[in-house]
Protein backbone atom coordinates (compact mmCIF):
# COMPACT_ATOMS: atom_id res chain seq x y z
CA HIS A 1 72.25 56.83 -10.07
CA GLY A 2 70.07 59.66 -9.48
CA ARG A 3 71.10 62.65 -7.15
CA ASN A 4 67.80 62.55 -4.63
CA PRO A 5 67.40 58.22 -4.64
CA MET A 6 64.13 57.16 -3.42
CA LEU A 7 63.38 54.43 -0.34
CA SER A 8 60.67 52.07 -1.10
CA LYS A 9 57.64 52.04 1.22
CA GLU A 10 58.81 48.48 1.80
CA GLU A 11 62.50 49.14 3.07
CA ILE A 12 60.64 52.02 5.11
CA LEU A 13 57.92 49.50 6.73
CA ALA A 14 60.91 47.35 7.13
CA LEU A 15 62.78 49.51 10.25
CA PRO A 16 62.12 48.81 13.60
CA GLU A 17 61.29 51.71 14.38
CA LEU A 18 58.01 51.52 12.50
CA ALA A 19 57.58 48.00 12.97
CA ALA A 20 54.67 47.98 16.22
CA ASN A 21 53.32 51.57 14.58
CA PRO A 22 49.68 51.14 13.80
CA PHE A 23 50.04 53.90 11.93
CA LYS A 24 53.17 53.41 9.87
CA GLU A 25 51.39 52.94 6.62
CA ARG A 26 49.26 56.21 7.12
CA ILE A 27 52.73 58.03 8.82
CA LEU A 28 54.33 56.27 4.86
CA GLU A 29 51.51 58.24 2.88
CA VAL A 30 51.54 61.32 4.64
CA PHE A 31 55.17 61.82 4.27
CA SER A 32 55.37 60.56 1.04
CA GLU A 33 55.16 63.28 -1.68
CA GLU A 34 52.98 61.01 -3.66
CA GLY A 35 50.83 59.74 -1.06
CA ASP A 36 52.69 56.28 -1.82
CA GLY A 37 55.20 55.46 0.90
CA ALA A 38 57.72 55.98 -0.86
CA MET A 39 60.08 58.73 -0.18
CA ASN A 40 63.57 60.63 -1.39
CA PHE A 41 65.96 60.98 1.52
CA GLU A 42 64.67 64.36 2.34
CA GLN A 43 61.15 63.30 2.78
CA PHE A 44 62.57 60.36 5.09
CA LEU A 45 64.71 62.92 7.13
CA ASP A 46 61.49 64.84 7.51
CA MET A 47 59.58 61.82 8.63
CA MET A 48 62.01 60.65 11.33
CA SER A 49 62.87 64.19 12.50
CA GLN A 50 59.18 64.92 13.38
CA LEU A 51 59.36 61.13 15.41
CA SER A 52 62.42 61.92 17.33
CA SER A 53 62.05 62.45 20.88
CA LYS A 54 63.46 65.43 20.26
CA ALA A 55 60.89 67.09 18.44
CA PRO A 56 59.21 70.09 20.13
CA LEU A 57 55.58 69.39 20.95
CA GLU A 58 54.01 71.84 18.67
CA THR A 59 55.92 69.95 15.81
CA LYS A 60 54.35 66.66 17.06
CA ILE A 61 51.03 67.38 16.76
CA ASP A 62 50.98 68.95 13.84
CA PHE A 63 52.44 65.56 12.47
CA ALA A 64 49.21 63.72 14.57
CA PHE A 65 46.95 65.85 13.31
CA LYS A 66 47.87 65.33 9.51
CA ILE A 67 48.00 61.43 10.36
CA TYR A 68 44.36 61.23 12.02
CA ASP A 69 42.75 63.85 9.34
CA PHE A 70 42.39 60.73 6.90
CA ASN A 71 40.43 62.66 4.44
CA GLU A 72 42.66 65.58 4.41
CA ASP A 73 40.14 68.35 5.09
CA GLY A 74 41.82 70.08 7.75
CA GLN A 75 39.20 69.04 10.15
CA ILE A 76 38.90 65.72 12.43
CA CYS A 77 35.44 64.26 11.76
CA GLU A 78 33.52 61.33 12.72
CA SER A 79 34.87 59.68 9.59
CA ASP A 80 37.91 60.00 10.56
CA LEU A 81 37.88 58.67 13.43
CA GLN A 82 36.14 55.72 13.06
CA LYS A 83 39.37 55.21 10.99
CA VAL A 84 41.59 56.53 14.44
CA ILE A 85 39.26 53.59 16.52
CA LEU A 86 40.05 50.67 13.77
CA PHE A 87 43.88 51.64 12.96
CA LEU A 88 44.65 51.43 17.17
CA ILE A 89 42.55 47.87 18.08
CA GLN A 90 44.16 46.69 14.58
CA PRO A 91 41.09 43.60 14.82
CA ALA A 92 42.51 41.41 12.01
CA ILE A 93 45.54 41.33 14.57
CA THR A 94 44.47 41.46 17.65
CA GLY A 95 41.14 39.69 17.35
CA SER A 96 39.95 42.25 19.91
CA THR A 97 36.40 44.45 18.67
CA LEU A 98 34.24 46.97 19.67
CA THR A 99 30.74 47.19 18.56
CA SER A 100 29.18 50.14 16.33
CA GLU A 101 27.79 51.80 19.59
CA GLU A 102 30.86 51.37 21.55
CA ARG A 103 33.05 53.41 18.42
CA SER A 104 29.92 55.78 17.93
CA GLN A 105 30.54 56.21 21.78
CA ILE A 106 33.95 56.67 21.72
CA ILE A 107 33.81 59.21 18.81
CA ARG A 108 30.72 61.16 20.63
CA ASN A 109 33.35 61.65 23.73
CA VAL A 110 36.54 62.55 21.82
CA ILE A 111 34.45 65.16 19.78
CA SER A 112 32.56 66.25 23.25
CA GLU A 113 35.71 67.09 25.10
CA MET A 114 37.98 68.39 22.30
CA ASP A 115 35.23 70.28 19.91
CA MET A 116 35.59 73.85 21.78
CA ASP A 117 34.01 75.31 18.91
CA ASP A 118 31.32 72.93 19.00
CA ASP A 119 31.01 72.39 15.15
CA GLY A 120 30.86 68.74 15.18
CA SER A 121 34.42 68.12 14.41
CA ILE A 122 37.93 68.83 15.73
CA SER A 123 40.20 71.49 14.16
CA TYR A 124 43.50 72.10 14.16
CA LEU A 125 43.32 74.73 17.24
CA ASP A 126 41.12 72.40 18.72
CA PHE A 127 43.12 68.99 18.58
CA LYS A 128 46.54 71.67 19.92
CA HIS A 129 44.74 72.69 23.11
CA GLY A 130 43.53 69.19 23.92
CA MET A 131 46.67 67.31 23.00
CA SER A 132 49.08 70.01 25.02
CA LYS A 133 46.27 69.27 27.97
CA LEU A 134 47.14 65.63 27.49
CA ASN A 135 50.29 64.12 29.87
CA GLY A 136 52.26 62.01 27.93
CA PHE A 137 51.52 62.94 24.41
CA GLU A 138 54.79 63.72 22.99
CA GLU A 139 55.69 59.80 24.28
CA THR A 140 53.54 58.56 21.99
CA PHE A 141 54.72 60.15 19.06
CA LYS A 142 58.07 58.94 18.62
CA VAL A 143 60.42 56.43 17.66
CA THR A 144 63.65 54.28 19.77
């Protein structure tokens, strides 16, 4: 056996702590070195510690930013927010849908609320500032 065995994506997704999280696949992509969801034990512990209720707010904000920055360009832009909305409403599971105009309005509202430098996207600093003002944010980024 190797000194650093891998946990498969399927093994990690089977954990009850992740089962209900709409971002579970994305979380695994972010924390796995290869982006395929498989992790060694150290990566798994890193992921679980950042999802812990004891993780500091700054750690949770950093983690959330990485999850929402789908194209990994250091900004949360309109296309990232489109994906966030789809992950949250999960139309295939919930049957809920939003019109393209409703999605666009939500995206405009989020960017308008959080984009402090008016460049049309949400930088890490914009995101950090917005999330630190949001009541209960820490509670949404934890496993129980």
